[in-house]
Amino acid sequence: MNRIKEVLVIKGMSQKELAVKLDRNPNTITSICNNKSQPHLKDLKKIAKILDVDIRELLISTKV
């Protein structure tokens, strides 16, 4: 599970903008943001860099 959609809102960036910067289809980004699919690690690193956040901020902790 990821929280990319939440971080996009915090950063004021749209899914379409992220898709352009990541050079991915907007439908792919929508699927990732809705947790229907998960990004590859290399894409997750790029997303963190684009959003200027630590990669851990894009993930939901599995520890309670």
PDB file of N, CA and C in Angstrom:
ATOM      1  N   MET A   1       0.846  -1.180   0.000  1.00  0.00           N
ATOM      2  CA  MET A   1       0.000   0.000   0.000  1.00  0.00           C
ATOM      3  C   MET A   1       0.894   1.247   0.000  1.00  0.00           C
ATOM      4  N   ASN A   2       0.438   2.251  -0.703  1.00  0.00           N
ATOM      5  CA  ASN A   2       1.201   3.492  -0.737  1.00  0.00           C
ATOM      6  C   ASN A   2       0.290   4.672  -0.422  1.00  0.00           C
ATOM      7  N   ARG A   3       0.917   5.795  -0.155  1.00  0.00           N
ATOM      8  CA  ARG A   3       0.149   7.011   0.118  1.00  0.00           C
ATOM      9  C   ARG A   3       0.548   8.126  -0.849  1.00  0.00           C
ATOM     10  N   ILE A   4       0.830   7.744  -2.075  1.00  0.00           N
ATOM     11  CA  ILE A   4       1.246   8.700  -3.092  1.00  0.00           C
ATOM     12  C   ILE A   4       0.151   9.731  -3.356  1.00  0.00           C
ATOM     13  N   LYS A   5      -1.098   9.283  -3.436  1.00  0.00           N
ATOM     14  CA  LYS A   5      -2.208  10.204  -3.685  1.00  0.00           C
ATOM     15  C   LYS A   5      -2.272  11.275  -2.595  1.00  0.00           C
ATOM     16  N   GLU A   6      -2.115  10.866  -1.363  1.00  0.00           N
ATOM     17  CA  GLU A   6      -2.142  11.785  -0.223  1.00  0.00           C
ATOM     18  C   GLU A   6      -0.992  12.790  -0.294  1.00  0.00           C
ATOM     19  N   VAL A   7       0.194  12.311  -0.632  1.00  0.00           N
ATOM     20  CA  VAL A   7       1.363  13.192  -0.724  1.00  0.00           C
ATOM     21  C   VAL A   7       1.206  14.160  -1.894  1.00  0.00           C
ATOM     22  N   LEU A   8       0.616  13.718  -2.987  1.00  0.00           N
ATOM     23  CA  LEU A   8       0.364  14.612  -4.122  1.00  0.00           C
ATOM     24  C   LEU A   8      -0.509  15.791  -3.686  1.00  0.00           C
ATOM     25  N   VAL A   9      -1.548  15.508  -2.904  1.00  0.00           N
ATOM     26  CA  VAL A   9      -2.437  16.570  -2.420  1.00  0.00           C
ATOM     27  C   VAL A   9      -1.650  17.534  -1.536  1.00  0.00           C
ATOM     28  N   ILE A  10      -0.854  16.992  -0.621  1.00  0.00           N
ATOM     29  CA  ILE A  10      -0.049  17.823   0.282  1.00  0.00           C
ATOM     30  C   ILE A  10       0.897  18.717  -0.514  1.00  0.00           C
ATOM     31  N   LYS A  11       1.487  18.171  -1.561  1.00  0.00           N
ATOM     32  CA  LYS A  11       2.456  18.914  -2.379  1.00  0.00           C
ATOM     33  C   LYS A  11       1.794  19.784  -3.444  1.00  0.00           C
ATOM     34  N   GLY A  12       0.481  19.655  -3.599  1.00  0.00           N
ATOM     35  CA  GLY A  12      -0.229  20.479  -4.580  1.00  0.00           C
ATOM     36  C   GLY A  12       0.053  20.096  -6.024  1.00  0.00           C
ATOM     37  N   MET A  13       0.279  18.815  -6.256  1.00  0.00           N
ATOM     38  CA  MET A  13       0.574  18.337  -7.611  1.00  0.00           C
ATOM     39  C   MET A  13      -0.534  17.379  -8.049  1.00  0.00           C
ATOM     40  N   SER A  14      -0.898  17.452  -9.310  1.00  0.00           N
ATOM     41  CA  SER A  14      -1.924  16.552  -9.834  1.00  0.00           C
ATOM     42  C   SER A  14      -1.297  15.234 -10.299  1.00  0.00           C
ATOM     43  N   GLN A  15      -2.147  14.249 -10.446  1.00  0.00           N
ATOM     44  CA  GLN A  15      -1.685  12.961 -10.958  1.00  0.00           C
ATOM     45  C   GLN A  15      -1.169  13.101 -12.383  1.00  0.00           C
ATOM     46  N   LYS A  16      -1.807  13.964 -13.168  1.00  0.00           N
ATOM     47  CA  LYS A  16      -1.360  14.192 -14.548  1.00  0.00           C
ATOM     48  C   LYS A  16       0.038  14.804 -14.578  1.00  0.00           C
ATOM     49  N   GLU A  17       0.287  15.769 -13.689  1.00  0.00           N
ATOM     50  CA  GLU A  17       1.620  16.385 -13.624  1.00  0.00           C
ATOM     51  C   GLU A  17       2.671  15.337 -13.270  1.00  0.00           C
ATOM     52  N   LEU A  18       2.342  14.483 -12.301  1.00  0.00           N
ATOM     53  CA  LEU A  18       3.275  13.426 -11.918  1.00  0.00           C
ATOM     54  C   LEU A  18       3.524  12.486 -13.089  1.00  0.00           C
ATOM     55  N   ALA A  19       2.480  12.148 -13.814  1.00  0.00           N
ATOM     56  CA  ALA A  19       2.619  11.258 -14.970  1.00  0.00           C
ATOM     57  C   ALA A  19       3.573  11.848 -16.000  1.00  0.00           C
ATOM     58  N   VAL A  20       3.446  13.140 -16.258  1.00  0.00           N
ATOM     59  CA  VAL A  20       4.325  13.803 -17.230  1.00  0.00           C
ATOM     60  C   VAL A  20       5.774  13.780 -16.737  1.00  0.00           C
ATOM     61  N   LYS A  21       5.974  14.146 -15.477  1.00  0.00           N
ATOM     62  CA  LYS A  21       7.335  14.199 -14.928  1.00  0.00           C
ATOM     63  C   LYS A  21       7.969  12.816 -14.831  1.00  0.00           C
ATOM     64  N   LEU A  22       7.135  11.807 -14.630  1.00  0.00           N
ATOM     65  CA  LEU A  22       7.622  10.435 -14.499  1.00  0.00           C
ATOM     66  C   LEU A  22       7.685   9.726 -15.854  1.00  0.00           C
ATOM     67  N   ASP A  23       7.136  10.385 -16.888  1.00  0.00           N
ATOM     68  CA  ASP A  23       7.066   9.821 -18.239  1.00  0.00           C
ATOM     69  C   ASP A  23       6.288   8.501 -18.248  1.00  0.00           C
ATOM     70  N   ARG A  24       5.119   8.541 -17.605  1.00  0.00           N
ATOM     71  CA  ARG A  24       4.233   7.385 -17.534  1.00  0.00           C
ATOM     72  C   ARG A  24       2.845   7.781 -17.995  1.00  0.00           C
ATOM     73  N   ASN A  25       2.058   6.796 -18.381  1.00  0.00           N
ATOM     74  CA  ASN A  25       0.685   7.015 -18.789  1.00  0.00           C
ATOM     75  C   ASN A  25      -0.117   7.491 -17.568  1.00  0.00           C
ATOM     76  N   PRO A  26      -0.963   8.515 -17.716  1.00  0.00           N
ATOM     77  CA  PRO A  26      -1.772   8.975 -16.582  1.00  0.00           C
ATOM     78  C   PRO A  26      -2.631   7.874 -15.958  1.00  0.00           C
ATOM     79  N   ASN A  27      -3.073   6.914 -16.774  1.00  0.00           N
ATOM     80  CA  ASN A  27      -3.858   5.795 -16.229  1.00  0.00           C
ATOM     81  C   ASN A  27      -3.028   4.936 -15.282  1.00  0.00           C
ATOM     82  N   THR A  28      -1.748   4.804 -15.570  1.00  0.00           N
ATOM     83  CA  THR A  28      -0.847   4.053 -14.699  1.00  0.00           C
ATOM     84  C   THR A  28      -0.733   4.746 -13.355  1.00  0.00           C
ATOM     85  N   ILE A  29      -0.588   6.063 -13.372  1.00  0.00           N
ATOM     86  CA  ILE A  29      -0.471   6.831 -12.128  1.00  0.00           C
ATOM     87  C   ILE A  29      -1.771   6.754 -11.339  1.00  0.00           C
ATOM     88  N   THR A  30      -2.904   6.824 -12.017  1.00  0.00           N
ATOM     89  CA  THR A  30      -4.194   6.698 -11.339  1.00  0.00           C
ATOM     90  C   THR A  30      -4.297   5.345 -10.646  1.00  0.00           C
ATOM     91  N   SER A  31      -3.889   4.306 -11.334  1.00  0.00           N
ATOM     92  CA  SER A  31      -3.924   2.960 -10.764  1.00  0.00           C
ATOM     93  C   SER A  31      -3.030   2.859  -9.531  1.00  0.00           C
ATOM     94  N   ILE A  32      -1.863   3.473  -9.601  1.00  0.00           N
ATOM     95  CA  ILE A  32      -0.939   3.475  -8.462  1.00  0.00           C
ATOM     96  C   ILE A  32      -1.538   4.272  -7.300  1.00  0.00           C
ATOM     97  N   CYS A  33      -2.080   5.440  -7.593  1.00  0.00           N
ATOM     98  CA  CYS A  33      -2.656   6.294  -6.550  1.00  0.00           C
ATOM     99  C   CYS A  33      -3.856   5.655  -5.868  1.00  0.00           C
ATOM    100  N   ASN A  34      -4.577   4.809  -6.583  1.00  0.00           N
ATOM    101  CA  ASN A  34      -5.737   4.129  -6.021  1.00  0.00           C
ATOM    102  C   ASN A  34      -5.381   2.759  -5.440  1.00  0.00           C
ATOM    103  N   ASN A  35      -4.078   2.481  -5.354  1.00  0.00           N
ATOM    104  CA  ASN A  35      -3.564   1.221  -4.811  1.00  0.00           C
ATOM    105  C   ASN A  35      -4.085  -0.011  -5.536  1.00  0.00           C
ATOM    106  N   LYS A  36      -4.381   0.146  -6.822  1.00  0.00           N
ATOM    107  CA  LYS A  36      -4.771  -1.008  -7.639  1.00  0.00           C
ATOM    108  C   LYS A  36      -3.529  -1.702  -8.185  1.00  0.00           C
ATOM    109  N   SER A  37      -2.428  -0.954  -8.240  1.00  0.00           N
ATOM    110  CA  SER A  37      -1.127  -1.516  -8.585  1.00  0.00           C
ATOM    111  C   SER A  37      -0.085  -0.746  -7.784  1.00  0.00           C
ATOM    112  N   GLN A  38       1.100  -1.310  -7.705  1.00  0.00           N
ATOM    113  CA  GLN A  38       2.173  -0.662  -6.961  1.00  0.00           C
ATOM    114  C   GLN A  38       3.314  -0.336  -7.921  1.00  0.00           C
ATOM    115  N   PRO A  39       3.975   0.796  -7.694  1.00  0.00           N
ATOM    116  CA  PRO A  39       5.075   1.172  -8.582  1.00  0.00           C
ATOM    117  C   PRO A  39       6.302   0.296  -8.360  1.00  0.00           C
ATOM    118  N   HIS A  40       7.089   0.153  -9.406  1.00  0.00           N
ATOM    119  CA  HIS A  40       8.377  -0.514  -9.274  1.00  0.00           C
ATOM    120  C   HIS A  40       9.243   0.339  -8.355  1.00  0.00           C
ATOM    121  N   LEU A  41      10.210  -0.264  -7.715  1.00  0.00           N
ATOM    122  CA  LEU A  41      11.066   0.445  -6.776  1.00  0.00           C
ATOM    123  C   LEU A  41      11.764   1.634  -7.447  1.00  0.00           C
ATOM    124  N   LYS A  42      12.222   1.453  -8.684  1.00  0.00           N
ATOM    125  CA  LYS A  42      12.903   2.559  -9.376  1.00  0.00           C
ATOM    126  C   LYS A  42      11.947   3.728  -9.601  1.00  0.00           C
ATOM    127  N   ASP A  43      10.672   3.434  -9.904  1.00  0.00           N
ATOM    128  CA  ASP A  43       9.684   4.500 -10.073  1.00  0.00           C
ATOM    129  C   ASP A  43       9.348   5.151  -8.737  1.00  0.00           C
ATOM    130  N   LEU A  44       9.296   4.348  -7.678  1.00  0.00           N
ATOM    131  CA  LEU A  44       9.022   4.888  -6.351  1.00  0.00           C
ATOM    132  C   LEU A  44      10.122   5.873  -5.950  1.00  0.00           C
ATOM    133  N   LYS A  45      11.357   5.535  -6.262  1.00  0.00           N
ATOM    134  CA  LYS A  45      12.486   6.440  -5.979  1.00  0.00           C
ATOM    135  C   LYS A  45      12.338   7.739  -6.773  1.00  0.00           C
ATOM    136  N   LYS A  46      11.952   7.630  -8.041  1.00  0.00           N
ATOM    137  CA  LYS A  46      11.766   8.823  -8.881  1.00  0.00           C
ATOM    138  C   LYS A  46      10.619   9.684  -8.352  1.00  0.00           C
ATOM    139  N   ILE A  47       9.538   9.031  -7.930  1.00  0.00           N
ATOM    140  CA  ILE A  47       8.388   9.769  -7.389  1.00  0.00           C
ATOM    141  C   ILE A  47       8.804  10.530  -6.136  1.00  0.00           C
ATOM    142  N   ALA A  48       9.558   9.876  -5.267  1.00  0.00           N
ATOM    143  CA  ALA A  48      10.042  10.541  -4.047  1.00  0.00           C
ATOM    144  C   ALA A  48      10.891  11.756  -4.397  1.00  0.00           C
ATOM    145  N   LYS A  49      11.733  11.623  -5.404  1.00  0.00           N
ATOM    146  CA  LYS A  49      12.588  12.743  -5.814  1.00  0.00           C
ATOM    147  C   LYS A  49      11.739  13.870  -6.403  1.00  0.00           C
ATOM    148  N   ILE A  50      10.802  13.535  -7.256  1.00  0.00           N
ATOM    149  CA  ILE A  50       9.920  14.540  -7.870  1.00  0.00           C
ATOM    150  C   ILE A  50       9.136  15.296  -6.801  1.00  0.00           C
ATOM    151  N   LEU A  51       8.631  14.557  -5.799  1.00  0.00           N
ATOM    152  CA  LEU A  51       7.818  15.172  -4.751  1.00  0.00           C
ATOM    153  C   LEU A  51       8.660  15.749  -3.611  1.00  0.00           C
ATOM    154  N   ASP A  52       9.974  15.547  -3.697  1.00  0.00           N
ATOM    155  CA  ASP A  52      10.904  16.054  -2.697  1.00  0.00           C
ATOM    156  C   ASP A  52      10.547  15.559  -1.291  1.00  0.00           C
ATOM    157  N   VAL A  53      10.365  14.232  -1.191  1.00  0.00           N
ATOM    158  CA  VAL A  53      10.082  13.607   0.090  1.00  0.00           C
ATOM    159  C   VAL A  53      10.964  12.372   0.252  1.00  0.00           C
ATOM    160  N   ASP A  54      11.117  11.934   1.487  1.00  0.00           N
ATOM    161  CA  ASP A  54      11.804  10.678   1.761  1.00  0.00           C
ATOM    162  C   ASP A  54      10.916   9.553   1.223  1.00  0.00           C
ATOM    163  N   ILE A  55      11.519   8.570   0.626  1.00  0.00           N
ATOM    164  CA  ILE A  55      10.762   7.471   0.024  1.00  0.00           C
ATOM    165  C   ILE A  55       9.831   6.818   1.039  1.00  0.00           C
ATOM    166  N   ARG A  56      10.216   6.815   2.308  1.00  0.00           N
ATOM    167  CA  ARG A  56       9.389   6.197   3.358  1.00  0.00           C
ATOM    168  C   ARG A  56       8.065   6.928   3.553  1.00  0.00           C
ATOM    169  N   GLU A  57       8.017   8.203   3.178  1.00  0.00           N
ATOM    170  CA  GLU A  57       6.774   8.970   3.301  1.00  0.00           C
ATOM    171  C   GLU A  57       5.720   8.526   2.286  1.00  0.00           C
ATOM    172  N   LEU A  58       6.144   7.782   1.283  1.00  0.00           N
ATOM    173  CA  LEU A  58       5.219   7.314   0.253  1.00  0.00           C
ATOM    174  C   LEU A  58       4.607   5.965   0.578  1.00  0.00           C
ATOM    175  N   LEU A  59       5.076   5.358   1.654  1.00  0.00           N
ATOM    176  CA  LEU A  59       4.617   4.019   2.011  1.00  0.00           C
ATOM    177  C   LEU A  59       3.822   4.033   3.312  1.00  0.00           C
ATOM    178  N   ILE A  60       2.911   3.101   3.430  1.00  0.00           N
ATOM    179  CA  ILE A  60       2.144   2.925   4.658  1.00  0.00           C
ATOM    180  C   ILE A  60       2.861   1.883   5.492  1.00  0.00           C
ATOM    181  N   SER A  61       3.137   2.222   6.741  1.00  0.00           N
ATOM    182  CA  SER A  61       3.841   1.300   7.638  1.00  0.00           C
ATOM    183  C   SER A  61       3.018   0.039   7.849  1.00  0.00           C
ATOM    184  N   THR A  62       3.706  -1.080   7.869  1.00  0.00           N
ATOM    185  CA  THR A  62       3.029  -2.345   8.128  1.00  0.00           C
ATOM    186  C   THR A  62       3.095  -2.712   9.602  1.00  0.00           C
ATOM    187  N   LYS A  63       3.859  -1.932  10.370  1.00  0.00           N
ATOM    188  CA  LYS A  63       3.945  -2.176  11.815  1.00  0.00           C
ATOM    189  C   LYS A  63       2.864  -1.398  12.524  1.00  0.00           C
ATOM    190  N   VAL A  64       2.296  -2.004  13.527  1.00  0.00           N
ATOM    191  CA  VAL A  64       1.222  -1.332  14.273  1.00  0.00           C
ATOM    192  C   VAL A  64       1.775  -0.677  15.513  1.00  0.00           C
TER     193      VAL A  64
END
